């Protein structure tokens, strides 16, 4: 959270350098900016890494453009009145374009959603990602009501479900801790603030949190509230098949250790009990190509959660994001 503020201050100092020169003289202004630059450079370069495997880019500035596409799906499955039922609801895809600038690892970015500007996307979603060398997290909040899908029950034809019947507010947060941070770099795959020179992997600790509030206003009114916390471990690997290439894959399954779920139909409560194993799984992948002072590639984050038992009621949540990017260092 502090990095954008620090970068904004740095950019502001460069922008007002003529005023600094006016009050303190050219030599004083240059000395102040030089000290700030030296402090940030030392902080940026002085990482506890094995440079045979991971290095920092030699440049200070990075400009990056991204195209992000994300989607959400909710599935339910269970038994009602002795018959099996299943439903699937998918929210509108979200597409954003973003442009960011980084100075010695401190970043600012802005994004826009063309569909929202055109009035074709009315859901609300906000996300924050931080991929550190040792610690990192992903935070996402979505308020969606443009779900479309279907519902089917034994002996009954499939029913198409239009938009605006289902409204869902969802909070997802995933964190990781990397054991081999000196040789394995998550940032190399997802922010390109490091460069992976040789293949390396690492065991990872993980924690996940999901909160959800869903309301369905069809023939029967339904309200679902869930809070789930999971703890687990996984593994990540950065494969460098040739100079300038990086292929990343990681999986972080967490088992839900705390679950608070309530479901009601037309104000009548339906008991939901914990059923092992209930999990929150986070998978990530990336392909990065370094070509001189340029880089480009694609990354993916996939989240899956299952709660309940399909012999009574099970709820499956899927959230994914695919990102393409292009950047220049100088």
Protein backbone atom coordinates (compact mmCIF):
# COMPACT_ATOMS: atom_id res chain seq x y z
CA UNK A 1 0.00 0.00 0.00
CA UNK A 2 2.91 2.39 0.68
CA UNK A 3 4.64 1.83 -2.66
CA UNK A 4 2.22 3.88 -4.84
CA UNK A 5 2.42 6.77 -2.34
CA UNK A 6 6.22 6.68 -2.36
CA UNK A 7 6.33 6.58 -6.16
CA UNK A 8 3.89 9.49 -6.37
CA UNK A 9 6.15 11.49 -4.07
CA UNK A 10 9.20 10.64 -6.20
CA UNK A 11 7.45 11.70 -9.41
CA UNK A 12 6.25 14.87 -7.68
CA UNK A 13 9.79 15.71 -6.62
CA UNK A 14 11.03 15.37 -10.20
CA UNK A 15 8.07 17.45 -11.41
CA UNK A 16 8.73 20.32 -8.96
CA UNK A 17 12.49 20.18 -9.32
CA UNK A 18 12.47 23.63 -11.05
CA UNK A 19 10.85 25.09 -7.92
CA UNK A 20 13.41 23.32 -5.71
CA UNK A 21 16.16 24.74 -7.87
CA UNK A 22 14.66 28.22 -7.53
CA UNK A 23 14.68 28.10 -3.71
CA UNK A 24 17.78 26.00 -3.01
CA UNK A 25 19.86 26.52 -6.14
CA UNK A 26 20.67 24.00 -8.84
CA UNK A 27 23.38 22.31 -6.80
CA UNK A 28 21.11 21.88 -3.76
CA UNK A 29 18.23 20.54 -5.82
CA UNK A 30 20.44 18.08 -7.65
CA UNK A 31 21.98 16.93 -4.37
CA UNK A 32 18.55 16.31 -2.81
CA UNK A 33 17.27 14.37 -5.82
CA UNK A 34 20.52 12.43 -6.01
CA UNK A 35 20.26 11.38 -2.35
CA UNK A 36 16.66 10.25 -2.84
CA UNK A 37 17.60 8.33 -5.97
CA UNK A 38 20.61 6.70 -4.24
CA UNK A 39 18.47 5.64 -1.28
CA UNK A 40 15.82 4.06 -3.52
CA UNK A 41 18.46 2.41 -5.72
CA UNK A 42 20.21 0.84 -2.73
CA UNK A 43 16.89 -0.40 -1.37
CA UNK A 44 15.99 -1.83 -4.79
CA UNK A 45 19.34 -3.55 -5.47
CA UNK A 46 20.04 -4.81 -1.97
CA UNK A 47 17.85 -7.92 -2.06
CA UNK A 48 18.69 -11.20 -0.35
CA UNK A 49 18.77 -13.20 -3.59
CA UNK A 50 21.07 -15.67 -5.32
CA UNK A 51 22.01 -13.72 -8.45
CA UNK A 52 22.92 -16.90 -10.28
CA UNK A 53 19.16 -17.63 -10.29
CA UNK A 54 17.37 -14.29 -9.84
CA UNK A 55 18.41 -10.71 -10.66
CA UNK A 56 16.91 -7.25 -10.65
CA UNK A 57 16.58 -5.44 -14.01
CA UNK A 58 19.47 -3.05 -14.55
CA UNK A 59 17.16 -0.19 -15.52
CA UNK A 60 15.18 2.01 -13.11
CA UNK A 61 11.98 2.81 -15.01
CA UNK A 62 9.36 0.41 -16.41
CA UNK A 63 6.25 1.24 -18.42
CA UNK A 64 3.73 -1.57 -18.78
CA UNK A 65 0.39 -2.03 -20.60
CA UNK A 66 -2.04 -4.82 -19.66
CA UNK A 67 -5.24 -6.35 -20.98
CA UNK A 68 -7.17 -8.15 -18.23
CA UNK A 69 -10.14 -10.50 -18.67
CA UNK A 70 -11.88 -12.11 -15.68
CA UNK A 71 -14.93 -14.26 -15.06
CA UNK A 72 -17.01 -15.80 -12.27
CA UNK A 73 -19.18 -18.92 -12.13
CA UNK A 74 -21.32 -20.35 -9.31
CA UNK A 75 -22.64 -23.92 -9.39
CA UNK A 76 -24.99 -25.64 -6.97
CA UNK A 77 -25.78 -29.33 -6.72
CA UNK A 78 -27.84 -31.35 -4.28
CA UNK A 79 -30.96 -33.31 -3.45
CA UNK A 80 -34.44 -31.85 -2.93
CA UNK A 81 -37.60 -33.89 -2.30
CA UNK A 82 -35.68 -37.06 -3.18
CA UNK A 83 -34.56 -35.75 -6.57
CA UNK A 84 -31.19 -34.51 -7.75
CA UNK A 85 -30.82 -30.93 -8.96
CA UNK A 86 -28.03 -28.85 -10.46
CA UNK A 87 -27.62 -25.25 -11.53
CA UNK A 88 -24.94 -23.12 -13.14
CA UNK A 89 -24.77 -19.31 -13.17
CA UNK A 90 -22.10 -17.24 -14.98
CA UNK A 91 -21.48 -13.51 -14.58
CA UNK A 92 -20.60 -11.19 -17.43
CA UNK A 93 -16.91 -11.21 -18.29
CA UNK A 94 -14.97 -8.17 -17.15
CA UNK A 95 -12.37 -6.66 -19.49
CA UNK A 96 -10.04 -3.83 -18.48
CA UNK A 97 -7.07 -2.08 -20.03
CA UNK A 98 -4.41 -0.69 -17.71
CA UNK A 99 -1.23 1.34 -18.01
CA UNK A 100 1.37 1.46 -15.25
CA UNK A 101 4.73 3.02 -14.53
CA UNK A 102 7.35 1.74 -12.07
CA UNK A 103 10.44 3.38 -10.66
CA UNK A 104 12.85 1.04 -8.86
CA UNK A 105 10.01 -1.35 -8.00
CA UNK A 106 7.55 1.33 -6.85
CA UNK A 107 4.48 1.31 -9.07
CA UNK A 108 1.45 3.36 -10.05
CA UNK A 109 -1.19 2.24 -12.52
CA UNK A 110 -4.58 3.28 -13.89
CA UNK A 111 -7.16 1.14 -15.65
CA UNK A 112 -10.42 1.53 -17.54
CA UNK A 113 -13.26 -0.78 -18.52
CA UNK A 114 -14.43 -0.03 -22.10
CA UNK A 115 -17.71 -1.94 -21.60
CA UNK A 116 -18.51 0.06 -18.47
CA UNK A 117 -17.78 3.34 -20.26
CA UNK A 118 -20.17 2.22 -23.01
CA UNK A 119 -22.86 1.34 -20.45
CA UNK A 120 -22.70 -2.40 -21.21
CA UNK A 121 -21.21 -3.55 -17.89
CA UNK A 122 -22.89 -2.63 -14.60
CA UNK A 123 -21.23 -4.96 -12.10
CA UNK A 124 -18.68 -3.60 -9.66
CA UNK A 125 -15.28 -5.18 -9.03
CA UNK A 126 -12.07 -4.02 -7.38
CA UNK A 127 -8.81 -5.93 -6.96
CA UNK A 128 -5.42 -5.44 -5.39
CA UNK A 129 -2.44 -7.72 -6.01
CA UNK A 130 0.97 -7.69 -4.36
CA UNK A 131 3.58 -10.27 -5.39
CA UNK A 132 6.57 -9.96 -3.08
CA UNK A 133 9.78 -11.93 -3.06
CA UNK A 134 8.85 -13.78 0.11
CA UNK A 135 5.25 -12.75 0.87
CA UNK A 136 2.36 -11.85 -1.40
CA UNK A 137 -1.41 -11.57 -1.56
CA UNK A 138 -4.37 -11.17 -3.91
CA UNK A 139 -7.50 -9.28 -2.87
CA UNK A 140 -10.69 -9.15 -4.93
CA UNK A 141 -14.18 -7.83 -4.17
CA UNK A 142 -17.03 -8.25 -6.65
CA UNK A 143 -20.66 -7.09 -6.57
CA UNK A 144 -22.29 -8.86 -9.51
CA UNK A 145 -25.91 -9.16 -10.61
CA UNK A 146 -25.62 -9.96 -14.32
CA UNK A 147 -25.57 -13.74 -13.82
CA UNK A 148 -27.14 -15.95 -16.49
CA UNK A 149 -27.45 -19.72 -16.48
CA UNK A 150 -29.69 -22.73 -16.07
CA UNK A 151 -31.28 -25.04 -13.50
CA UNK A 152 -32.33 -28.65 -13.95
CA UNK A 153 -33.94 -31.28 -11.72
CA UNK A 154 -34.57 -35.01 -12.19
CA UNK A 155 -37.60 -35.56 -14.38
CA UNK A 156 -37.88 -31.88 -15.31
CA UNK A 157 -36.70 -29.98 -18.40
CA UNK A 158 -33.80 -27.55 -18.05
CA UNK A 159 -34.85 -24.03 -17.12
CA UNK A 160 -32.94 -21.08 -18.51
CA UNK A 161 -32.30 -18.43 -15.85
CA UNK A 162 -32.18 -14.81 -17.05
CA UNK A 163 -30.02 -12.02 -15.64
CA UNK A 164 -30.93 -10.06 -12.49
CA UNK A 165 -32.32 -13.10 -10.64
CA UNK A 166 -29.05 -13.75 -8.81
CA UNK A 167 -27.06 -11.07 -7.02
CA UNK A 168 -23.77 -11.99 -5.38
CA UNK A 169 -21.24 -10.05 -3.32
CA UNK A 170 -17.96 -11.94 -3.00
CA UNK A 171 -14.71 -11.22 -1.21
CA UNK A 172 -11.65 -13.35 -1.98
CA UNK A 173 -8.19 -13.05 -0.44
CA UNK A 174 -5.22 -15.37 -0.91
CA UNK A 175 -1.77 -15.08 0.66
CA UNK A 176 1.46 -17.03 0.23
CA UNK A 177 4.82 -17.43 1.93
CA UNK A 178 7.77 -18.56 -0.19
CA UNK A 179 10.53 -20.65 1.44
CA UNK A 180 13.07 -20.47 -1.41
CA UNK A 181 12.78 -16.75 -2.14
CA UNK A 182 16.51 -16.41 -2.86
CA UNK A 183 16.22 -18.58 -5.99
CA UNK A 184 12.51 -18.71 -6.87
CA UNK A 185 10.71 -15.47 -7.77
CA UNK A 186 6.95 -14.97 -7.96
CA UNK A 187 7.48 -11.33 -9.06
CA UNK A 188 9.50 -12.53 -12.07
CA UNK A 189 6.37 -14.25 -13.34
CA UNK A 190 3.68 -11.71 -12.40
CA UNK A 191 5.19 -8.22 -12.10
CA UNK A 192 8.53 -8.60 -13.93
CA UNK A 193 10.29 -6.64 -11.15
CA UNK A 194 12.78 -9.54 -11.06
CA UNK A 195 14.23 -11.71 -13.84
CA UNK A 196 14.51 -15.49 -13.37
CA UNK A 197 17.83 -16.62 -14.88
CA UNK A 198 17.78 -20.34 -14.00
CA UNK A 199 15.00 -22.80 -13.20
CA UNK A 200 14.02 -23.07 -9.55
CA UNK A 201 11.05 -24.06 -7.40
CA UNK A 202 9.83 -23.57 -3.87
CA UNK A 203 7.44 -24.98 -1.30
CA UNK A 204 4.79 -22.45 -0.33
CA UNK A 205 2.56 -21.88 2.66
CA UNK A 206 -0.87 -20.45 1.91
CA UNK A 207 -3.95 -19.01 3.58
CA UNK A 208 -7.27 -18.17 1.91
CA UNK A 209 -10.41 -16.30 2.90
CA UNK A 210 -13.74 -16.15 1.13
CA UNK A 211 -16.86 -14.27 2.12
CA UNK A 212 -20.04 -14.39 0.06
CA UNK A 213 -23.59 -13.07 0.23
CA UNK A 214 -25.94 -14.30 -2.50
CA UNK A 215 -29.64 -13.56 -3.03
CA UNK A 216 -31.87 -15.26 -5.60
CA UNK A 217 -35.24 -13.69 -6.45
CA UNK A 218 -37.05 -16.26 -8.56
CA UNK A 219 -40.19 -18.27 -7.83
CA UNK A 220 -38.61 -18.87 -4.42
CA UNK A 221 -36.44 -16.33 -2.63
CA UNK A 222 -33.09 -17.65 -1.46
CA UNK A 223 -30.33 -16.09 0.62
CA UNK A 224 -26.90 -17.65 1.12
CA UNK A 225 -24.18 -16.32 3.42
CA UNK A 226 -20.73 -17.92 3.66
CA UNK A 227 -17.49 -17.18 5.42
CA UNK A 228 -14.61 -19.61 4.86
CA UNK A 229 -10.97 -19.59 5.97
CA UNK A 230 -8.48 -22.11 4.62
CA UNK A 231 -4.88 -23.00 5.46
CA UNK A 232 -2.61 -25.17 3.35
CA UNK A 233 0.59 -25.54 1.37
CA UNK A 234 1.67 -26.00 -2.21
CA UNK A 235 4.51 -25.73 -4.67
CA UNK A 236 5.59 -23.32 -7.38
CA UNK A 237 8.11 -23.73 -10.15
CA UNK A 238 9.79 -21.30 -12.55
CA UNK A 239 11.12 -23.10 -15.60
CA UNK A 240 13.68 -21.30 -17.78
CA UNK A 241 13.94 -23.38 -21.00
CA UNK A 242 16.17 -20.84 -22.76
CA UNK A 243 17.63 -17.41 -22.23
CA UNK A 244 14.87 -14.80 -22.04
CA UNK A 245 12.02 -17.28 -21.42
CA UNK A 246 10.11 -18.09 -18.24
CA UNK A 247 7.30 -20.60 -17.69
CA UNK A 248 5.62 -20.50 -14.27
CA UNK A 249 3.14 -22.87 -12.64
CA UNK A 250 2.00 -23.13 -9.03
CA UNK A 251 -0.83 -24.72 -7.06
CA UNK A 252 -1.87 -23.74 -3.53
CA UNK A 253 -4.64 -25.93 -2.09
CA UNK A 254 -5.99 -24.88 1.31
CA UNK A 255 -8.37 -26.87 3.49
CA UNK A 256 -11.17 -24.91 5.09
CA UNK A 257 -10.62 -24.84 8.85
CA UNK A 258 -13.39 -22.36 9.63
CA UNK A 259 -16.76 -22.31 7.90
CA UNK A 260 -19.86 -20.31 8.79
CA UNK A 261 -22.65 -20.88 6.27
CA UNK A 262 -26.36 -20.11 6.41
CA UNK A 263 -29.06 -20.72 3.78
CA UNK A 264 -32.70 -19.71 3.77
CA UNK A 265 -35.60 -20.29 1.36
CA UNK A 266 -38.54 -17.87 1.73
CA UNK A 267 -37.30 -16.97 5.24
CA UNK A 268 -37.12 -20.66 6.27
CA UNK A 269 -33.65 -21.72 7.40
CA UNK A 270 -31.96 -24.74 5.82
CA UNK A 271 -29.24 -26.42 7.92
CA UNK A 272 -25.82 -26.70 6.26
CA UNK A 273 -23.11 -28.80 7.85
CA UNK A 274 -19.36 -28.92 7.27
CA UNK A 275 -18.36 -31.79 4.99
CA UNK A 276 -14.69 -32.79 4.67
CA UNK A 277 -12.92 -31.99 2.47
CA UNK A 278 -13.98 -28.42 1.77
CA UNK A 279 -11.21 -26.58 -0.05
CA UNK A 280 -10.09 -23.29 -1.55
CA UNK A 281 -7.62 -23.90 -4.39
CA UNK A 282 -5.51 -21.21 -6.05
CA UNK A 283 -3.66 -22.03 -9.25
CA UNK A 284 -1.35 -19.68 -11.14
CA UNK A 285 0.48 -19.84 -14.45
CA UNK A 286 2.53 -17.48 -16.60
CA UNK A 287 4.63 -17.27 -19.76
CA UNK A 288 7.12 -14.39 -19.95
CA UNK A 289 9.46 -13.45 -22.78
CA UNK A 290 12.37 -11.02 -22.24
CA UNK A 291 13.72 -9.42 -25.42
CA UNK A 292 16.30 -6.73 -24.76
CA UNK A 293 14.65 -3.91 -22.81
CA UNK A 294 11.18 -5.22 -23.70
CA UNK A 295 9.09 -8.01 -22.21
CA UNK A 296 5.67 -9.49 -22.94
CA UNK A 297 3.61 -12.48 -21.98
CA UNK A 298 0.51 -13.92 -20.41
CA UNK A 299 -0.47 -14.84 -16.85
CA UNK A 300 -3.43 -16.62 -15.27
CA UNK A 301 -4.91 -16.90 -11.76
CA UNK A 302 -7.61 -19.48 -10.99
CA UNK A 303 -9.57 -19.82 -7.74
CA UNK A 304 -11.95 -22.67 -6.88
CA UNK A 305 -13.98 -23.21 -3.70
CA UNK A 306 -16.31 -26.05 -2.75
CA UNK A 307 -18.60 -25.98 0.27
CA UNK A 308 -21.17 -28.55 1.38
CA UNK A 309 -22.16 -32.03 0.19
CA UNK A 310 -23.83 -32.94 -3.09
CA UNK A 311 -26.05 -35.42 -1.17
CA UNK A 312 -27.79 -32.40 0.37
CA UNK A 313 -26.41 -29.12 -1.02
CA UNK A 314 -23.00 -28.23 -2.43
CA UNK A 315 -21.87 -24.82 -3.69
CA UNK A 316 -18.92 -24.44 -6.07
CA UNK A 317 -17.32 -21.06 -6.80
CA UNK A 318 -14.93 -20.44 -9.69
CA UNK A 319 -13.08 -17.17 -10.23
CA UNK A 320 -10.43 -16.66 -12.92
CA UNK A 321 -8.36 -13.90 -14.46
CA UNK A 322 -6.23 -13.94 -17.62
CA UNK A 323 -3.80 -11.10 -18.29
CA UNK A 324 -1.66 -10.25 -21.32
CA UNK A 325 1.02 -7.61 -20.94
CA UNK A 326 3.75 -5.70 -22.73
CA UNK A 327 6.41 -3.58 -21.08
CA UNK A 328 9.50 -1.50 -21.76
CA UNK A 329 12.38 -0.84 -19.35
CA UNK A 330 14.65 2.19 -19.57
